[in-house]
Protein backbone atom coordinates (compact mmCIF):
# COMPACT_ATOMS: atom_id res chain seq x y z
CA MET A 1 -60.26 -76.29 31.13
CA LEU A 2 -58.10 -75.66 34.16
CA SER A 3 -59.70 -74.86 37.48
CA GLU A 4 -58.74 -71.59 39.18
CA GLU A 5 -57.15 -73.62 41.95
CA LEU A 6 -54.77 -75.35 39.52
CA ARG A 7 -54.02 -72.11 37.67
CA ASN A 8 -53.07 -70.43 40.93
CA LYS A 9 -50.84 -73.36 41.91
CA TYR A 10 -48.49 -72.92 38.94
CA GLN A 11 -46.64 -70.07 37.27
CA LEU A 12 -46.58 -69.89 33.48
CA VAL A 13 -43.20 -68.85 32.03
CA ILE A 14 -42.83 -67.72 28.40
CA GLY A 15 -39.88 -66.76 26.23
CA LEU A 16 -40.28 -65.73 22.60
CA GLU A 17 -38.00 -65.98 19.57
CA VAL A 18 -39.12 -63.62 16.82
CA HIS A 19 -37.65 -63.90 13.33
CA ALA A 20 -37.93 -60.80 11.15
CA GLN A 21 -36.99 -60.90 7.47
CA LEU A 22 -35.11 -57.73 6.56
CA LEU A 23 -36.20 -55.45 3.71
CA THR A 24 -32.90 -55.45 1.87
CA GLU A 25 -32.72 -55.69 -1.91
CA SER A 26 -30.32 -58.63 -1.83
CA LYS A 27 -29.78 -61.63 0.42
CA MET A 28 -27.71 -61.87 3.58
CA TYR A 29 -24.54 -63.31 2.10
CA SER A 30 -25.02 -63.02 -1.68
CA SER A 31 -26.23 -60.60 -4.35
CA ASP A 32 -29.29 -62.76 -5.15
CA SER A 33 -32.50 -60.74 -5.21
CA ASN A 34 -34.48 -60.71 -1.97
CA GLU A 35 -38.08 -60.72 -3.25
CA TYR A 36 -41.31 -62.44 -2.28
CA GLY A 37 -43.71 -64.28 -4.57
CA LYS A 38 -41.43 -65.06 -7.51
CA LEU A 39 -41.54 -68.40 -9.33
CA PRO A 40 -39.88 -71.18 -7.28
CA ASN A 41 -36.09 -71.47 -7.51
CA THR A 42 -35.62 -68.37 -9.68
CA LEU A 43 -33.79 -66.25 -7.06
CA ILE A 44 -30.86 -68.56 -6.38
CA SER A 45 -27.22 -68.80 -7.35
CA ALA A 46 -24.22 -70.99 -6.64
CA ILE A 47 -23.56 -68.95 -3.48
CA THR A 48 -27.08 -69.42 -2.09
CA LEU A 49 -26.84 -73.15 -2.86
CA GLY A 50 -23.45 -73.40 -1.15
CA HIS A 51 -21.55 -74.84 -4.09
CA PRO A 52 -17.88 -75.65 -3.49
CA GLY A 53 -15.52 -72.74 -4.12
CA THR A 54 -18.13 -70.03 -3.51
CA LEU A 55 -17.62 -67.37 -0.86
CA PRO A 56 -20.30 -65.45 1.08
CA LYS A 57 -20.16 -61.70 1.64
CA VAL A 58 -22.06 -59.88 4.40
CA ASN A 59 -24.87 -57.51 3.38
CA LYS A 60 -23.94 -54.12 4.90
CA LYS A 61 -27.55 -52.87 4.85
CA ALA A 62 -28.66 -55.93 6.85
CA VAL A 63 -26.07 -55.07 9.50
CA GLU A 64 -27.38 -51.50 9.68
CA PHE A 65 -30.97 -52.75 10.00
CA ALA A 66 -29.94 -55.04 12.88
CA VAL A 67 -28.26 -52.10 14.64
CA ARG A 68 -31.38 -49.98 14.12
CA MET A 69 -33.50 -52.61 15.82
CA GLY A 70 -30.99 -52.92 18.65
CA LEU A 71 -31.02 -49.17 19.27
CA ALA A 72 -34.83 -49.16 19.26
CA CYS A 73 -34.82 -52.00 21.82
CA ASN A 74 -32.31 -50.32 24.14
CA CYS A 75 -29.62 -52.96 23.46
CA GLU A 76 -25.86 -52.72 23.75
CA ILE A 77 -24.34 -52.83 20.25
CA THR A 78 -21.48 -55.29 19.75
CA ARG A 79 -18.63 -53.61 17.86
CA TRP A 80 -16.69 -56.77 16.85
CA ASN A 81 -19.04 -59.18 15.11
CA ILE A 82 -18.15 -62.70 14.02
CA PHE A 83 -20.30 -65.32 12.36
CA SER A 84 -20.74 -69.02 13.01
CA ARG A 85 -21.95 -72.08 11.21
CA LYS A 86 -24.94 -73.78 12.79
CA ASN A 87 -24.97 -77.34 11.49
CA TYR A 88 -28.19 -79.26 11.05
CA PHE A 89 -29.91 -80.88 8.15
CA TYR A 90 -33.19 -79.76 6.66
CA PRO A 91 -34.19 -80.50 3.05
CA ASP A 92 -34.71 -76.75 2.48
CA LEU A 93 -31.30 -75.70 3.89
CA PRO A 94 -29.14 -76.15 0.79
CA LYS A 95 -25.70 -75.68 2.40
CA GLY A 96 -26.43 -78.13 5.21
CA TYR A 97 -25.61 -75.38 7.70
CA GLN A 98 -26.87 -71.89 8.52
CA ILE A 99 -24.58 -68.87 8.82
CA THR A 100 -25.63 -67.15 12.04
CA GLN A 101 -24.20 -65.54 15.18
CA ASP A 102 -23.56 -67.69 18.24
CA LYS A 103 -21.35 -66.35 21.01
CA GLY A 104 -21.31 -62.72 19.86
CA PRO A 105 -24.76 -61.41 18.83
CA ILE A 106 -24.80 -57.93 17.32
CA CYS A 107 -27.26 -56.66 19.98
CA VAL A 108 -27.01 -57.70 23.64
CA GLY A 109 -29.58 -57.27 26.41
CA GLY A 110 -32.10 -54.48 26.11
CA PHE A 111 -35.81 -54.31 26.75
CA VAL A 112 -39.11 -53.56 25.02
CA PRO A 113 -41.83 -51.64 26.92
CA ILE A 114 -45.35 -53.02 26.40
CA GLU A 115 -48.79 -51.83 27.50
CA LEU A 116 -51.52 -54.28 28.48
CA ALA A 117 -55.27 -54.00 28.06
CA ASP A 118 -55.77 -52.79 31.65
CA GLY A 119 -53.35 -49.90 31.06
CA SER A 120 -50.51 -51.45 33.06
CA GLN A 121 -47.01 -51.38 31.59
CA LYS A 122 -44.12 -53.81 31.61
CA SER A 123 -40.61 -53.84 30.21
CA VAL A 124 -39.84 -57.20 28.60
CA LYS A 125 -36.15 -58.05 28.93
CA LEU A 126 -34.30 -59.19 25.83
CA ASN A 127 -31.45 -61.67 25.79
CA ARG A 128 -30.14 -60.77 22.35
CA ILE A 129 -30.78 -59.86 18.73
CA HIS A 130 -28.60 -61.65 16.22
CA MET A 131 -28.21 -61.81 12.44
CA GLU A 132 -28.61 -64.93 10.35
CA GLU A 133 -30.03 -66.25 7.08
CA ASP A 134 -33.35 -67.93 6.40
CA ALA A 135 -33.81 -71.44 5.05
CA GLY A 136 -35.83 -72.31 1.95
CA LYS A 137 -39.40 -73.54 2.02
CA SER A 138 -40.76 -77.08 1.87
CA ILE A 139 -44.07 -77.43 0.03
CA HIS A 140 -46.49 -80.29 0.60
CA LEU A 141 -49.27 -80.44 -1.98
CA ALA A 142 -52.58 -82.05 -1.07
CA GLY A 143 -52.66 -85.71 -2.02
CA GLU A 144 -48.96 -85.81 -2.86
CA THR A 145 -46.41 -87.90 -0.97
CA ASP A 146 -43.39 -86.05 -2.32
CA THR A 147 -42.02 -82.83 -0.81
CA LEU A 148 -41.26 -79.93 -3.14
CA VAL A 149 -38.53 -77.48 -2.18
CA ASP A 150 -38.33 -73.79 -3.11
CA PHE A 151 -34.91 -72.29 -2.35
CA ASN A 152 -35.90 -68.68 -3.16
CA ARG A 153 -36.15 -67.82 0.54
CA ALA A 154 -32.80 -69.43 1.37
CA GLY A 155 -30.31 -66.75 2.32
CA THR A 156 -32.91 -64.09 3.09
CA PRO A 157 -31.53 -61.76 5.81
CA LEU A 158 -33.03 -62.33 9.24
CA ILE A 159 -32.73 -60.89 12.68
CA GLU A 160 -33.81 -63.08 15.57
CA ILE A 161 -35.13 -61.21 18.61
CA VAL A 162 -34.82 -63.44 21.68
CA THR A 163 -36.48 -62.51 24.97
CA GLU A 164 -35.53 -63.68 28.41
CA PRO A 165 -38.15 -66.00 29.98
CA ASP A 166 -39.79 -62.79 31.14
CA LEU A 167 -43.39 -63.12 29.96
CA ARG A 168 -46.07 -64.57 32.21
CA THR A 169 -49.34 -64.56 30.27
CA PRO A 170 -50.52 -65.07 26.68
CA GLU A 171 -51.74 -61.47 26.77
CA GLU A 172 -48.19 -60.24 27.50
CA ALA A 173 -46.85 -62.34 24.60
CA TYR A 174 -49.48 -60.84 22.27
CA ALA A 175 -48.64 -57.29 23.40
CA PHE A 176 -44.91 -57.92 22.92
CA LEU A 177 -45.39 -59.21 19.38
CA ALA A 178 -47.62 -56.26 18.52
CA GLU A 179 -44.92 -53.88 19.76
CA ILE A 180 -42.19 -55.68 17.80
CA LYS A 181 -44.29 -55.53 14.64
CA LYS A 182 -44.84 -51.82 15.20
CA LEU A 183 -41.12 -51.23 15.74
CA VAL A 184 -39.89 -53.10 12.64
CA LYS A 185 -42.41 -51.23 10.49
CA TYR A 186 -41.49 -47.84 12.01
CA LEU A 187 -37.82 -48.60 11.37
CA ASP A 188 -38.54 -49.82 7.80
CA VAL A 189 -36.49 -52.95 8.44
CA CYS A 190 -39.32 -55.50 7.93
CA ASP A 191 -42.87 -55.35 6.57
CA GLY A 192 -44.19 -57.35 9.55
CA ASN A 193 -46.35 -59.61 7.39
CA MET A 194 -46.90 -62.82 9.37
CA GLU A 195 -49.06 -64.38 6.64
CA GLU A 196 -46.15 -64.21 4.18
CA GLY A 197 -43.71 -65.40 6.84
CA SER A 198 -41.65 -62.22 7.01
CA LEU A 199 -42.38 -62.05 10.75
CA ARG A 200 -42.45 -65.39 12.55
CA CYS A 201 -42.54 -66.40 16.18
CA ASP A 202 -41.55 -69.47 18.18
CA ALA A 203 -42.72 -69.66 21.78
CA ASN A 204 -40.84 -71.40 24.59
CA VAL A 205 -43.32 -72.40 27.27
CA SER A 206 -42.75 -73.91 30.71
CA VAL A 207 -44.60 -74.15 34.00
CA MET A 208 -43.29 -74.17 37.57
CA LEU A 209 -44.83 -74.17 41.01
CA LYS A 210 -45.46 -70.67 42.31
CA GLY A 211 -42.65 -69.65 44.59
CA ALA A 212 -40.20 -72.11 43.01
CA SER A 213 -36.75 -70.85 42.01
CA GLU A 214 -36.11 -73.27 39.16
CA TYR A 215 -37.87 -73.19 35.81
CA GLY A 216 -39.65 -76.28 34.56
CA LYS A 217 -38.80 -78.12 31.34
CA LYS A 218 -39.69 -76.02 28.33
CA VAL A 219 -41.32 -76.92 25.05
CA GLU A 220 -40.96 -74.89 21.89
CA VAL A 221 -44.04 -74.25 19.75
CA LYS A 222 -43.62 -73.43 16.05
CA ASN A 223 -45.90 -72.93 13.04
CA MET A 224 -47.87 -69.90 14.22
CA ASN A 225 -48.91 -67.28 11.66
CA SER A 226 -50.71 -64.70 13.81
CA PHE A 227 -50.46 -63.03 17.21
CA ARG A 228 -53.75 -64.63 18.21
CA ASN A 229 -52.46 -68.09 17.36
CA VAL A 230 -49.33 -67.50 19.43
CA ALA A 231 -51.54 -66.64 22.42
CA ARG A 232 -53.78 -69.68 21.74
CA ALA A 233 -50.80 -72.03 21.47
CA ILE A 234 -49.31 -70.73 24.74
CA GLU A 235 -52.62 -71.20 26.55
CA HIS A 236 -52.97 -74.74 25.18
CA GLU A 237 -49.44 -75.65 26.33
CA HIS A 238 -50.10 -74.03 29.69
CA GLU A 239 -53.03 -76.37 30.29
CA ARG A 240 -51.38 -79.43 28.72
CA ILE A 241 -48.23 -79.18 30.84
CA ILE A 242 -50.18 -78.65 34.08
CA HIS A 243 -52.31 -81.72 33.33
CA LEU A 244 -49.10 -83.75 32.77
CA LEU A 245 -47.60 -82.55 36.06
CA GLU A 246 -50.80 -83.22 37.99
CA ALA A 247 -50.92 -86.76 36.54
CA GLY A 248 -47.33 -87.34 37.65
CA GLU A 249 -46.07 -87.62 34.06
CA GLU A 250 -42.83 -86.23 32.69
CA VAL A 251 -42.72 -83.08 30.57
CA ILE A 252 -40.60 -83.79 27.50
CA SER A 253 -38.42 -80.98 26.17
CA GLU A 254 -39.48 -81.01 22.53
CA THR A 255 -40.50 -78.96 19.52
CA ARG A 256 -44.24 -78.95 18.85
CA THR A 257 -46.37 -77.64 16.00
CA PHE A 258 -49.62 -75.72 16.43
CA ASP A 259 -52.81 -76.59 14.55
CA ALA A 260 -54.86 -73.40 14.22
CA ALA A 261 -58.00 -75.35 13.20
CA THR A 262 -58.13 -77.37 16.44
CA GLY A 263 -56.22 -75.03 18.75
CA THR A 264 -53.95 -77.91 19.81
CA THR A 265 -50.27 -78.77 19.47
CA ALA A 266 -48.53 -81.97 18.36
CA SER A 267 -45.00 -83.26 18.83
CA MET A 268 -42.56 -82.74 15.92
CA ARG A 269 -39.22 -83.80 17.39
CA THR A 270 -37.32 -83.84 20.65
CA LYS A 271 -35.50 -80.59 21.35
CA GLU A 272 -31.89 -80.51 20.20
CA ASP A 273 -29.19 -79.62 22.68
CA LEU A 274 -26.97 -76.75 21.57
CA ASN A 275 -24.13 -79.26 21.15
CA ASP A 276 -26.13 -80.95 18.41
CA TYR A 277 -25.72 -77.84 16.28
CA ARG A 278 -21.89 -78.09 16.41
CA TYR A 279 -21.33 -74.34 16.19
CA PHE A 280 -17.94 -73.23 14.93
CA PRO A 281 -16.65 -69.91 13.51
CA GLU A 282 -17.55 -69.29 9.87
CA PRO A 283 -14.14 -69.51 8.15
CA ASP A 284 -15.21 -67.65 5.00
CA LEU A 285 -16.35 -64.40 6.65
CA SER A 286 -14.11 -61.78 8.20
CA PRO A 287 -15.29 -60.07 11.41
CA ILE A 288 -17.56 -57.06 10.92
CA VAL A 289 -16.34 -54.05 12.91
CA ILE A 290 -18.89 -51.37 13.74
CA SER A 291 -16.93 -48.17 14.19
CA GLU A 292 -18.01 -45.20 16.27
CA GLU A 293 -18.54 -43.21 13.08
CA TRP A 294 -20.72 -45.92 11.51
CA LEU A 295 -22.76 -46.34 14.69
CA ASN A 296 -23.33 -42.59 14.97
CA SER A 297 -24.48 -42.37 11.34
CA ILE A 298 -27.07 -45.10 12.06
CA LYS A 299 -28.22 -43.26 15.19
CA VAL A 300 -28.67 -40.04 13.20
CA SER A 301 -30.80 -41.84 10.60
CA MET A 302 -33.16 -43.33 13.20
CA PRO A 303 -36.79 -42.21 12.74
CA ALA A 304 -39.07 -41.20 15.59
CA LEU A 305 -40.27 -44.34 17.36
CA PRO A 306 -43.86 -45.19 18.38
CA ARG A 307 -43.31 -44.43 22.06
CA GLN A 308 -41.69 -41.07 21.24
CA LEU A 309 -44.63 -40.06 19.05
CA TYR A 310 -47.12 -41.35 21.64
CA ASP A 311 -45.44 -39.19 24.32
CA LYS A 312 -45.45 -36.19 21.96
CA PHE A 313 -49.17 -36.59 21.22
CA VAL A 314 -50.00 -36.82 24.94
CA GLU A 315 -47.60 -34.25 26.37
CA GLN A 316 -47.32 -31.66 23.58
CA TYR A 317 -50.74 -32.02 21.94
CA GLY A 318 -52.66 -32.86 25.13
CA LEU A 319 -54.45 -35.86 23.63
CA PRO A 320 -56.01 -38.68 25.69
CA ALA A 321 -54.11 -41.98 25.85
CA TYR A 322 -56.71 -43.65 23.61
CA ASP A 323 -56.18 -41.12 20.81
CA ALA A 324 -52.40 -41.27 21.12
CA ASN A 325 -52.42 -45.08 20.98
CA PHE A 326 -54.55 -45.09 17.84
CA LEU A 327 -52.54 -42.38 16.09
CA SER A 328 -49.14 -43.93 16.87
CA GLU A 329 -50.15 -47.47 15.85
CA SER A 330 -49.09 -46.85 12.25
CA LYS A 331 -45.99 -44.87 11.32
CA ASP A 332 -47.63 -43.36 8.23
CA VAL A 333 -50.74 -42.29 10.18
CA ALA A 334 -48.61 -40.86 13.01
CA LEU A 335 -46.47 -38.78 10.65
CA TRP A 336 -49.52 -37.61 8.65
CA PHE A 337 -51.23 -36.52 11.87
CA ASP A 338 -48.06 -34.81 13.08
CA ARG A 339 -47.94 -32.86 9.80
CA LEU A 340 -51.61 -31.93 10.24
CA CYS A 341 -50.78 -30.53 13.68
CA THR A 342 -48.33 -28.08 12.11
CA GLN A 343 -51.32 -26.57 10.26
CA THR A 344 -53.79 -26.35 13.16
CA SER A 345 -53.57 -25.85 16.91
CA ASN A 346 -56.90 -27.59 17.54
CA TYR A 347 -55.17 -30.93 18.15
CA LYS A 348 -58.18 -32.72 19.63
CA ALA A 349 -60.34 -31.80 16.64
CA ALA A 350 -57.55 -33.01 14.33
CA SER A 351 -57.47 -36.30 16.25
CA ASN A 352 -61.26 -36.66 16.00
CA TRP A 353 -61.10 -36.17 12.23
CA MET A 354 -58.33 -38.78 11.92
CA MET A 355 -60.22 -41.34 14.04
CA GLY A 356 -63.56 -40.51 12.39
CA PRO A 357 -64.01 -39.45 8.75
CA VAL A 358 -60.41 -40.13 7.63
CA LYS A 359 -60.30 -43.61 9.20
CA SER A 360 -63.72 -44.47 7.72
CA TYR A 361 -62.59 -43.43 4.25
CA LEU A 362 -59.39 -45.49 4.47
CA ASN A 363 -61.27 -48.54 5.77
CA GLU A 364 -63.96 -48.32 3.09
CA THR A 365 -61.53 -47.88 0.21
CA GLY A 366 -58.76 -50.16 1.51
CA LYS A 367 -56.24 -47.37 0.93
CA GLU A 368 -53.26 -46.32 3.00
CA VAL A 369 -52.99 -42.82 4.44
CA ALA A 370 -50.27 -42.06 1.85
CA GLU A 371 -53.03 -42.38 -0.78
CA PHE A 372 -55.46 -40.08 1.08
CA PRO A 373 -56.50 -37.46 -1.51
CA ILE A 374 -56.96 -34.53 0.88
CA THR A 375 -53.82 -32.68 1.96
CA ALA A 376 -53.08 -31.89 5.60
CA GLU A 377 -53.34 -28.17 4.77
CA THR A 378 -56.83 -28.57 3.29
CA LEU A 379 -58.07 -30.68 6.19
CA ALA A 380 -56.73 -28.05 8.60
CA SER A 381 -58.78 -25.43 6.70
CA LEU A 382 -61.88 -27.57 7.12
CA ILE A 383 -61.19 -27.93 10.85
CA ALA A 384 -60.82 -24.14 11.10
CA LEU A 385 -64.15 -23.69 9.30
CA VAL A 386 -65.92 -25.79 11.94
CA GLU A 387 -63.98 -24.19 14.78
CA SER A 388 -65.05 -20.72 13.64
CA GLU A 389 -68.66 -22.01 13.61
CA LYS A 390 -69.13 -21.02 9.98
CA VAL A 391 -70.30 -24.55 9.19
CA SER A 392 -71.52 -27.38 11.40
CA PHE A 393 -69.45 -30.50 11.92
CA SER A 394 -72.13 -32.60 10.25
CA ALA A 395 -72.06 -30.40 7.14
CA ALA A 396 -68.27 -30.44 7.13
CA SER A 397 -67.89 -34.20 7.65
CA GLN A 398 -70.75 -35.37 5.46
CA THR A 399 -70.86 -32.87 2.61
CA ILE A 400 -67.71 -30.76 2.32
CA PHE A 401 -65.44 -33.72 3.15
CA SER A 402 -67.10 -35.79 0.40
CA GLU A 403 -66.65 -32.96 -2.08
CA LEU A 404 -62.96 -32.66 -1.19
CA LEU A 405 -62.44 -36.38 -1.69
CA GLN A 406 -63.54 -35.92 -5.29
CA SER A 407 -61.57 -32.77 -6.01
CA GLN A 408 -59.60 -30.05 -4.23
CA LYS A 409 -59.97 -27.38 -6.88
CA GLU A 410 -62.11 -25.44 -4.40
CA SER A 411 -61.28 -24.60 -0.80
CA PRO A 412 -63.56 -25.85 2.01
CA LEU A 413 -64.94 -22.30 2.39
CA GLU A 414 -65.69 -22.02 -1.34
CA ILE A 415 -67.54 -25.34 -1.23
CA ALA A 416 -69.51 -24.19 1.81
CA HIS A 417 -70.61 -21.03 -0.02
CA ARG A 418 -71.44 -22.89 -3.23
CA LEU A 419 -73.60 -25.43 -1.39
CA ASN A 420 -75.16 -22.82 0.88
CA LEU A 421 -73.81 -24.48 4.04
CA ILE A 422 -72.68 -21.39 5.96
CA GLN A 423 -74.33 -21.53 9.39
CA GLU A 424 -76.96 -18.99 10.33
CA SER A 425 -75.95 -17.48 13.67
CA ASP A 426 -77.94 -14.25 13.50
CA GLU A 427 -80.56 -14.44 16.27
CA SER A 428 -83.02 -12.24 14.38
CA SER A 429 -82.96 -14.69 11.46
CA LEU A 430 -83.19 -17.81 13.62
CA LYS A 431 -85.93 -16.66 15.95
CA PRO A 432 -88.77 -16.89 13.35
CA VAL A 433 -87.65 -20.43 12.44
CA ILE A 434 -87.70 -21.55 16.08
CA GLU A 435 -91.08 -19.89 16.71
CA ALA A 436 -92.51 -21.72 13.69
CA VAL A 437 -91.25 -25.06 15.05
CA LEU A 438 -92.83 -24.39 18.46
CA ALA A 439 -96.11 -23.35 16.85
CA GLU A 440 -96.21 -26.64 14.92
CA ASN A 441 -95.58 -28.70 18.09
CA LYS A 442 -97.82 -27.14 20.73
CA THR A 443 -98.53 -30.49 22.44
CA LYS A 444 -94.81 -31.21 22.81
CA VAL A 445 -94.24 -27.67 24.10
CA ALA A 446 -96.80 -28.33 26.84
CA GLU A 447 -95.10 -31.62 27.70
CA TYR A 448 -91.73 -29.87 27.89
CA LYS A 449 -93.13 -27.24 30.26
CA SER A 450 -94.60 -29.98 32.42
CA GLY A 451 -91.14 -31.42 33.00
CA LYS A 452 -90.12 -33.48 29.94
CA LYS A 453 -86.87 -31.57 29.35
CA GLY A 454 -85.54 -34.37 27.14
CA LEU A 455 -87.75 -33.04 24.32
CA LEU A 456 -85.21 -30.27 23.72
CA GLY A 457 -83.32 -32.58 21.37
CA MET A 458 -86.47 -33.22 19.33
CA PHE A 459 -87.08 -29.48 18.99
CA MET A 460 -83.46 -28.93 17.91
CA GLY A 461 -83.83 -31.62 15.27
CA GLN A 462 -86.87 -29.84 13.87
CA VAL A 463 -85.05 -26.49 13.89
CA MET A 464 -82.10 -27.98 12.00
CA LYS A 465 -84.46 -29.59 9.50
CA LYS A 466 -86.44 -26.40 8.90
CA SER A 467 -83.22 -24.38 8.51
CA ASN A 468 -81.77 -26.96 6.11
CA GLY A 469 -79.03 -27.66 8.61
CA LYS A 470 -77.80 -24.08 8.59
CA ALA A 471 -78.80 -23.08 12.11
CA ASP A 472 -75.83 -22.54 14.42
CA PRO A 473 -76.47 -25.19 17.12
CA LYS A 474 -75.17 -23.06 20.00
CA VAL A 475 -77.21 -19.99 19.11
CA ALA A 476 -80.28 -22.07 18.21
CA THR A 477 -80.13 -24.03 21.50
CA LYS A 478 -79.85 -20.81 23.50
CA LEU A 479 -82.82 -19.21 21.71
CA LEU A 480 -84.90 -22.38 21.85
CA THR A 481 -84.35 -22.78 25.59
CA GLU A 482 -85.25 -19.13 26.21
CA LEU A 483 -88.50 -19.38 24.23
CA LEU A 484 -89.51 -22.66 25.88
CA GLU A 485 -88.83 -21.40 29.38
CA ASN A 486 -90.72 -18.10 28.92
């Protein structure tokens, strides 16, 4: 562990490279199917394998998805796009080179706003977003010395989101990744599944003395399959590099792999210089020109983004930041809630239902909100029933809600009548119930009158029990207080 003194001596500098597999039906440069989980080497063709005489063709939908992401990240969109060959050898890169973008990425600059745990905000600067293709997958079976190769993933469309060295803590890196995952899912360009490898992150980590103007040597950490592991790997490198510097040793610019079991990194290879990749223009692909008309059509098709919905929930619906954060975390939840708010003006109650009973149901059943059996219109009717004080919230959330989950043949009001759940708010009917409760608890009444005002809750519990939960809490509390004080 680093001492506070050493931590304060150095500045951690982080840059992230996030690869997002695009949700297109076919691959980046061929018509091969872009699916996950199929039998090895069943989604390949001569084009994917780079056989002589074959010609790639750019996937138009992948280009549109890249532009969507660029617009969401406040980037400048490059109108004249060319592709390059990035030459390096991996056993799972069948062509021996990767078709990517080098000098002219489709999205330039931009920024992504993030919010940290303490409520502070930061805009993380981007360097670029570019299009490329994925490599295949090497498989190492336990106890086997041979490497198996599955080329199904080769050619899968990717965008690579590259930040400037603008992050300073593992927490900022975590928040940035969470925001990127949210954005790609809102835009429907990537499913954001890190376990399946459709969203992957490499972290470039360096350390420099505080106040210095020159960055230290960076290391790149790969093989991280969760946001938490990215943060853990960064923290490990932070400490490792400082220990090297304090011991007077050299920091080697290299690629390292992260072991989630031990929380440590290990060297894989020294870091290639860009010259080692021998970039040159891809001779088999014509430039892609993004016209004003094409760009405008993509802009028109853009969905509402998380920050826009968050702002709407806070400013238009008057919700607290906590509610708005929860409701805008998932696109489907945000849109479902927004639809609910067209049926009711009690936005805070709607939020409470979404964060309470609805969330509990979805968690318990493992279902998505799209599978939620109650319509927004019906839930709004249930909210109105509670708001009008015809039924209590407990009766609505525990009984009527459960009935609606089974069937919506009856309205919430019809269920309330059938189950005799309509609240009793008539004082003349409630007064005998309250008097009976007080008569049964004379000792507690005396204690209340001697100063133990906290017993009011106990009395209310007894009133609710004796009335079978039908007593209107407001009216009952008022009557109970009056009788106890007199």
